[in-house]
Each structure stands twice: as C-alpha cells, then as structure tokens.
Amino acid sequence: MAAEIKKELGVESQLVRGGGGIFDVSVDSKRIFSKKEEGRFPSEKEIIDQLRAITSS
C-alpha cells in the first residue's frame, strides 16, 4: 500500500507496527480507517481516495 500511495500521490508513508491484529490508517494523527471498526482491510483505492479528499480540502 505504501508504494501505491507514493505512486499515486507522491507522498511517503510510514508503517508503525502494532499488535493484536490492529490495522489503522492515520493522517496527521487523525484515523481515517480502522480494521477493528470496519471488520476488514481497506482496499488501496479506498485509502487513496480518502487521502485525495483530505489533500483537496
């Protein structure tokens, strides 16, 4: 996913390792996706679309 974000948006992303099956995506400390809340992993397109919406605001 990091490579796709870089390719599509030119933005470097960082993986912060956690535990317990947690998979959250955050931007500037604001969570935009939580696997625990959604019960699934996000698609790359879903995350990129959300990142585009944030950067165009």
PDB file of N, CA and C in Angstrom:
ATOM      1  N   MET A   1       0.823  -1.185   0.000  1.00  0.00           N
ATOM      2  CA  MET A   1       0.000   0.000   0.000  1.00  0.00           C
ATOM      3  C   MET A   1       0.873   1.257   0.000  1.00  0.00           C
ATOM      4  N   ALA A   2       1.991   1.230   0.708  1.00  0.00           N
ATOM      5  CA  ALA A   2       2.878   2.393   0.750  1.00  0.00           C
ATOM      6  C   ALA A   2       3.378   2.761  -0.638  1.00  0.00           C
ATOM      7  N   ALA A   3       3.710   1.750  -1.434  1.00  0.00           N
ATOM      8  CA  ALA A   3       4.203   2.011  -2.792  1.00  0.00           C
ATOM      9  C   ALA A   3       3.116   2.639  -3.657  1.00  0.00           C
ATOM     10  N   GLU A   4       1.888   2.185  -3.503  1.00  0.00           N
ATOM     11  CA  GLU A   4       0.776   2.738  -4.290  1.00  0.00           C
ATOM     12  C   GLU A   4       0.477   4.175  -3.881  1.00  0.00           C
ATOM     13  N   ILE A   5       0.552   4.473  -2.596  1.00  0.00           N
ATOM     14  CA  ILE A   5       0.348   5.848  -2.121  1.00  0.00           C
ATOM     15  C   ILE A   5       1.430   6.757  -2.698  1.00  0.00           C
ATOM     16  N   LYS A   6       2.671   6.296  -2.680  1.00  0.00           N
ATOM     17  CA  LYS A   6       3.778   7.085  -3.245  1.00  0.00           C
ATOM     18  C   LYS A   6       3.553   7.307  -4.740  1.00  0.00           C
ATOM     19  N   LYS A   7       3.171   6.246  -5.455  1.00  0.00           N
ATOM     20  CA  LYS A   7       2.960   6.339  -6.900  1.00  0.00           C
ATOM     21  C   LYS A   7       1.820   7.301  -7.241  1.00  0.00           C
ATOM     22  N   GLU A   8       0.711   7.180  -6.553  1.00  0.00           N
ATOM     23  CA  GLU A   8      -0.480   7.970  -6.867  1.00  0.00           C
ATOM     24  C   GLU A   8      -0.424   9.408  -6.359  1.00  0.00           C
ATOM     25  N   LEU A   9       0.159   9.597  -5.178  1.00  0.00           N
ATOM     26  CA  LEU A   9       0.103  10.912  -4.535  1.00  0.00           C
ATOM     27  C   LEU A   9       1.457  11.563  -4.306  1.00  0.00           C
ATOM     28  N   GLY A  10       2.537  10.796  -4.506  1.00  0.00           N
ATOM     29  CA  GLY A  10       3.871  11.337  -4.277  1.00  0.00           C
ATOM     30  C   GLY A  10       4.163  11.579  -2.809  1.00  0.00           C
ATOM     31  N   VAL A  11       3.510  10.830  -1.945  1.00  0.00           N
ATOM     32  CA  VAL A  11       3.641  11.012  -0.502  1.00  0.00           C
ATOM     33  C   VAL A  11       4.303   9.788   0.104  1.00  0.00           C
ATOM     34  N   GLU A  12       5.282  10.023   0.971  1.00  0.00           N
ATOM     35  CA  GLU A  12       5.920   8.931   1.707  1.00  0.00           C
ATOM     36  C   GLU A  12       5.025   8.560   2.877  1.00  0.00           C
ATOM     37  N   SER A  13       4.819   7.277   3.080  1.00  0.00           N
ATOM     38  CA  SER A  13       4.045   6.831   4.232  1.00  0.00           C
ATOM     39  C   SER A  13       4.946   6.034   5.161  1.00  0.00           C
ATOM     40  N   GLN A  14       4.474   5.819   6.362  1.00  0.00           N
ATOM     41  CA  GLN A  14       5.282   5.140   7.370  1.00  0.00           C
ATOM     42  C   GLN A  14       4.446   4.058   8.037  1.00  0.00           C
ATOM     43  N   LEU A  15       5.017   2.875   8.157  1.00  0.00           N
ATOM     44  CA  LEU A  15       4.380   1.786   8.871  1.00  0.00           C
ATOM     45  C   LEU A  15       4.780   1.857  10.336  1.00  0.00           C
ATOM     46  N   VAL A  16       3.784   1.894  11.192  1.00  0.00           N
ATOM     47  CA  VAL A  16       4.019   1.866  12.628  1.00  0.00           C
ATOM     48  C   VAL A  16       3.483   0.530  13.116  1.00  0.00           C
ATOM     49  N   ARG A  17       4.388  -0.326  13.513  1.00  0.00           N
ATOM     50  CA  ARG A  17       3.991  -1.674  13.922  1.00  0.00           C
ATOM     51  C   ARG A  17       3.193  -1.644  15.221  1.00  0.00           C
ATOM     52  N   GLY A  18       2.169  -2.473  15.222  1.00  0.00           N
ATOM     53  CA  GLY A  18       1.329  -2.624  16.407  1.00  0.00           C
ATOM     54  C   GLY A  18       1.191  -4.097  16.718  1.00  0.00           C
ATOM     55  N   GLY A  19       0.193  -4.436  17.422  1.00  0.00           N
ATOM     56  CA  GLY A  19      -0.040  -5.829  17.758  1.00  0.00           C
ATOM     57  C   GLY A  19      -1.518  -6.139  17.818  1.00  0.00           C
ATOM     58  N   GLY A  20      -1.837  -7.391  17.971  1.00  0.00           N
ATOM     59  CA  GLY A  20      -3.221  -7.787  18.155  1.00  0.00           C
ATOM     60  C   GLY A  20      -4.092  -7.671  16.923  1.00  0.00           C
ATOM     61  N   GLY A  21      -3.501  -7.684  15.735  1.00  0.00           N
ATOM     62  CA  GLY A  21      -4.293  -7.612  14.513  1.00  0.00           C
ATOM     63  C   GLY A  21      -4.823  -6.228  14.173  1.00  0.00           C
ATOM     64  N   ILE A  22      -4.307  -5.225  14.854  1.00  0.00           N
ATOM     65  CA  ILE A  22      -4.755  -3.851  14.592  1.00  0.00           C
ATOM     66  C   ILE A  22      -4.187  -3.369  13.265  1.00  0.00           C
ATOM     67  N   PHE A  23      -5.026  -2.752  12.460  1.00  0.00           N
ATOM     68  CA  PHE A  23      -4.580  -2.124  11.224  1.00  0.00           C
ATOM     69  C   PHE A  23      -5.350  -0.826  11.089  1.00  0.00           C
ATOM     70  N   ASP A  24      -4.721   0.276  11.435  1.00  0.00           N
ATOM     71  CA  ASP A  24      -5.317   1.603  11.327  1.00  0.00           C
ATOM     72  C   ASP A  24      -4.523   2.419  10.330  1.00  0.00           C
ATOM     73  N   VAL A  25      -5.211   3.304   9.639  1.00  0.00           N
ATOM     74  CA  VAL A  25      -4.556   4.256   8.744  1.00  0.00           C
ATOM     75  C   VAL A  25      -4.869   5.639   9.291  1.00  0.00           C
ATOM     76  N   SER A  26      -3.807   6.404   9.548  1.00  0.00           N
ATOM     77  CA  SER A  26      -3.963   7.743  10.118  1.00  0.00           C
ATOM     78  C   SER A  26      -3.212   8.761   9.280  1.00  0.00           C
ATOM     79  N   VAL A  27      -3.737   9.977   9.298  1.00  0.00           N
ATOM     80  CA  VAL A  27      -3.095  11.109   8.647  1.00  0.00           C
ATOM     81  C   VAL A  27      -3.042  12.231   9.670  1.00  0.00           C
ATOM     82  N   ASP A  28      -1.836  12.704   9.963  1.00  0.00           N
ATOM     83  CA  ASP A  28      -1.660  13.774  10.962  1.00  0.00           C
ATOM     84  C   ASP A  28      -2.414  13.453  12.256  1.00  0.00           C
ATOM     85  N   SER A  29      -2.244  12.235  12.740  1.00  0.00           N
ATOM     86  CA  SER A  29      -2.837  11.735  13.985  1.00  0.00           C
ATOM     87  C   SER A  29      -4.357  11.567  13.924  1.00  0.00           C
ATOM     88  N   LYS A  30      -4.970  11.730  12.747  1.00  0.00           N
ATOM     89  CA  LYS A  30      -6.407  11.522  12.585  1.00  0.00           C
ATOM     90  C   LYS A  30      -6.626  10.182  11.874  1.00  0.00           C
ATOM     91  N   ARG A  31      -7.335   9.277  12.517  1.00  0.00           N
ATOM     92  CA  ARG A  31      -7.579   7.960  11.940  1.00  0.00           C
ATOM     93  C   ARG A  31      -8.602   8.074  10.813  1.00  0.00           C
ATOM     94  N   ILE A  32      -8.241   7.541   9.636  1.00  0.00           N
ATOM     95  CA  ILE A  32      -9.163   7.545   8.506  1.00  0.00           C
ATOM     96  C   ILE A  32      -9.683   6.148   8.181  1.00  0.00           C
ATOM     97  N   PHE A  33      -9.079   5.127   8.788  1.00  0.00           N
ATOM     98  CA  PHE A  33      -9.576   3.765   8.620  1.00  0.00           C
ATOM     99  C   PHE A  33      -9.139   2.921   9.804  1.00  0.00           C
ATOM    100  N   SER A  34     -10.049   2.065  10.275  1.00  0.00           N
ATOM    101  CA  SER A  34      -9.743   1.128  11.357  1.00  0.00           C
ATOM    102  C   SER A  34     -10.282  -0.245  10.981  1.00  0.00           C
ATOM    103  N   LYS A  35      -9.383  -1.216  10.865  1.00  0.00           N
ATOM    104  CA  LYS A  35      -9.797  -2.591  10.581  1.00  0.00           C
ATOM    105  C   LYS A  35     -10.715  -3.104  11.680  1.00  0.00           C
ATOM    106  N   LYS A  36     -10.425  -2.771  12.913  1.00  0.00           N
ATOM    107  CA  LYS A  36     -11.241  -3.231  14.034  1.00  0.00           C
ATOM    108  C   LYS A  36     -12.676  -2.714  13.911  1.00  0.00           C
ATOM    109  N   GLU A  37     -12.834  -1.447  13.563  1.00  0.00           N
ATOM    110  CA  GLU A  37     -14.174  -0.864  13.437  1.00  0.00           C
ATOM    111  C   GLU A  37     -14.908  -1.385  12.204  1.00  0.00           C
ATOM    112  N   GLU A  38     -14.186  -1.548  11.096  1.00  0.00           N
ATOM    113  CA  GLU A  38     -14.807  -1.964   9.836  1.00  0.00           C
ATOM    114  C   GLU A  38     -14.918  -3.477   9.686  1.00  0.00           C
ATOM    115  N   GLY A  39     -14.074  -4.232  10.407  1.00  0.00           N
ATOM    116  CA  GLY A  39     -14.095  -5.679  10.308  1.00  0.00           C
ATOM    117  C   GLY A  39     -13.467  -6.224   9.038  1.00  0.00           C
ATOM    118  N   ARG A  40     -12.619  -5.419   8.406  1.00  0.00           N
ATOM    119  CA  ARG A  40     -11.973  -5.813   7.143  1.00  0.00           C
ATOM    120  C   ARG A  40     -10.780  -4.910   6.880  1.00  0.00           C
ATOM    121  N   PHE A  41      -9.947  -5.344   5.924  1.00  0.00           N
ATOM    122  CA  PHE A  41      -8.849  -4.496   5.462  1.00  0.00           C
ATOM    123  C   PHE A  41      -9.379  -3.546   4.395  1.00  0.00           C
ATOM    124  N   PRO A  42      -8.790  -2.358   4.280  1.00  0.00           N
ATOM    125  CA  PRO A  42      -9.215  -1.435   3.227  1.00  0.00           C
ATOM    126  C   PRO A  42      -8.567  -1.809   1.897  1.00  0.00           C
ATOM    127  N   SER A  43      -9.198  -1.394   0.812  1.00  0.00           N
ATOM    128  CA  SER A  43      -8.549  -1.522  -0.490  1.00  0.00           C
ATOM    129  C   SER A  43      -7.588  -0.346  -0.658  1.00  0.00           C
ATOM    130  N   GLU A  44      -6.603  -0.511  -1.511  1.00  0.00           N
ATOM    131  CA  GLU A  44      -5.680   0.603  -1.782  1.00  0.00           C
ATOM    132  C   GLU A  44      -6.451   1.802  -2.314  1.00  0.00           C
ATOM    133  N   LYS A  45      -7.398   1.547  -3.227  1.00  0.00           N
ATOM    134  CA  LYS A  45      -8.185   2.632  -3.826  1.00  0.00           C
ATOM    135  C   LYS A  45      -8.956   3.397  -2.751  1.00  0.00           C
ATOM    136  N   GLU A  46      -9.529   2.669  -1.806  1.00  0.00           N
ATOM    137  CA  GLU A  46     -10.295   3.304  -0.733  1.00  0.00           C
ATOM    138  C   GLU A  46      -9.428   4.280   0.064  1.00  0.00           C
ATOM    139  N   ILE A  47      -8.224   3.859   0.419  1.00  0.00           N
ATOM    140  CA  ILE A  47      -7.331   4.724   1.188  1.00  0.00           C
ATOM    141  C   ILE A  47      -6.860   5.896   0.338  1.00  0.00           C
ATOM    142  N   ILE A  48      -6.484   5.640  -0.902  1.00  0.00           N
ATOM    143  CA  ILE A  48      -6.019   6.721  -1.779  1.00  0.00           C
ATOM    144  C   ILE A  48      -7.128   7.739  -2.012  1.00  0.00           C
ATOM    145  N   ASP A  49      -8.359   7.283  -2.208  1.00  0.00           N
ATOM    146  CA  ASP A  49      -9.483   8.206  -2.380  1.00  0.00           C
ATOM    147  C   ASP A  49      -9.668   9.079  -1.139  1.00  0.00           C
ATOM    148  N   GLN A  50      -9.544   8.485   0.039  1.00  0.00           N
ATOM    149  CA  GLN A  50      -9.671   9.270   1.274  1.00  0.00           C
ATOM    150  C   GLN A  50      -8.524  10.266   1.416  1.00  0.00           C
ATOM    151  N   LEU A  51      -7.329   9.843   1.057  1.00  0.00           N
ATOM    152  CA  LEU A  51      -6.182  10.764   1.113  1.00  0.00           C
ATOM    153  C   LEU A  51      -6.349  11.912   0.133  1.00  0.00           C
ATOM    154  N   ARG A  52      -6.847  11.626  -1.039  1.00  0.00           N
ATOM    155  CA  ARG A  52      -7.113  12.701  -2.016  1.00  0.00           C
ATOM    156  C   ARG A  52      -8.137  13.683  -1.476  1.00  0.00           C
ATOM    157  N   ALA A  53      -9.181  13.181  -0.841  1.00  0.00           N
ATOM    158  CA  ALA A  53     -10.225  14.057  -0.286  1.00  0.00           C
ATOM    159  C   ALA A  53      -9.638  14.968   0.789  1.00  0.00           C
ATOM    160  N   ILE A  54      -8.738  14.434   1.597  1.00  0.00           N
ATOM    161  CA  ILE A  54      -8.108  15.237   2.655  1.00  0.00           C
ATOM    162  C   ILE A  54      -7.228  16.325   2.055  1.00  0.00           C
ATOM    163  N   THR A  55      -6.433  15.956   1.047  1.00  0.00           N
ATOM    164  CA  THR A  55      -5.496  16.923   0.483  1.00  0.00           C
ATOM    165  C   THR A  55      -6.173  17.967  -0.395  1.00  0.00           C
ATOM    166  N   SER A  56      -7.389  17.678  -0.871  1.00  0.00           N
ATOM    167  CA  SER A  56      -8.070  18.656  -1.717  1.00  0.00           C
ATOM    168  C   SER A  56      -8.960  19.588  -0.891  1.00  0.00           C
ATOM    169  N   SER A  57      -9.069  19.338   0.415  1.00  0.00           N
ATOM    170  CA  SER A  57      -9.908  20.175   1.286  1.00  0.00           C
ATOM    171  C   SER A  57      -9.236  21.466   1.625  1.00  0.00           C
TER     172      SER A  57
END
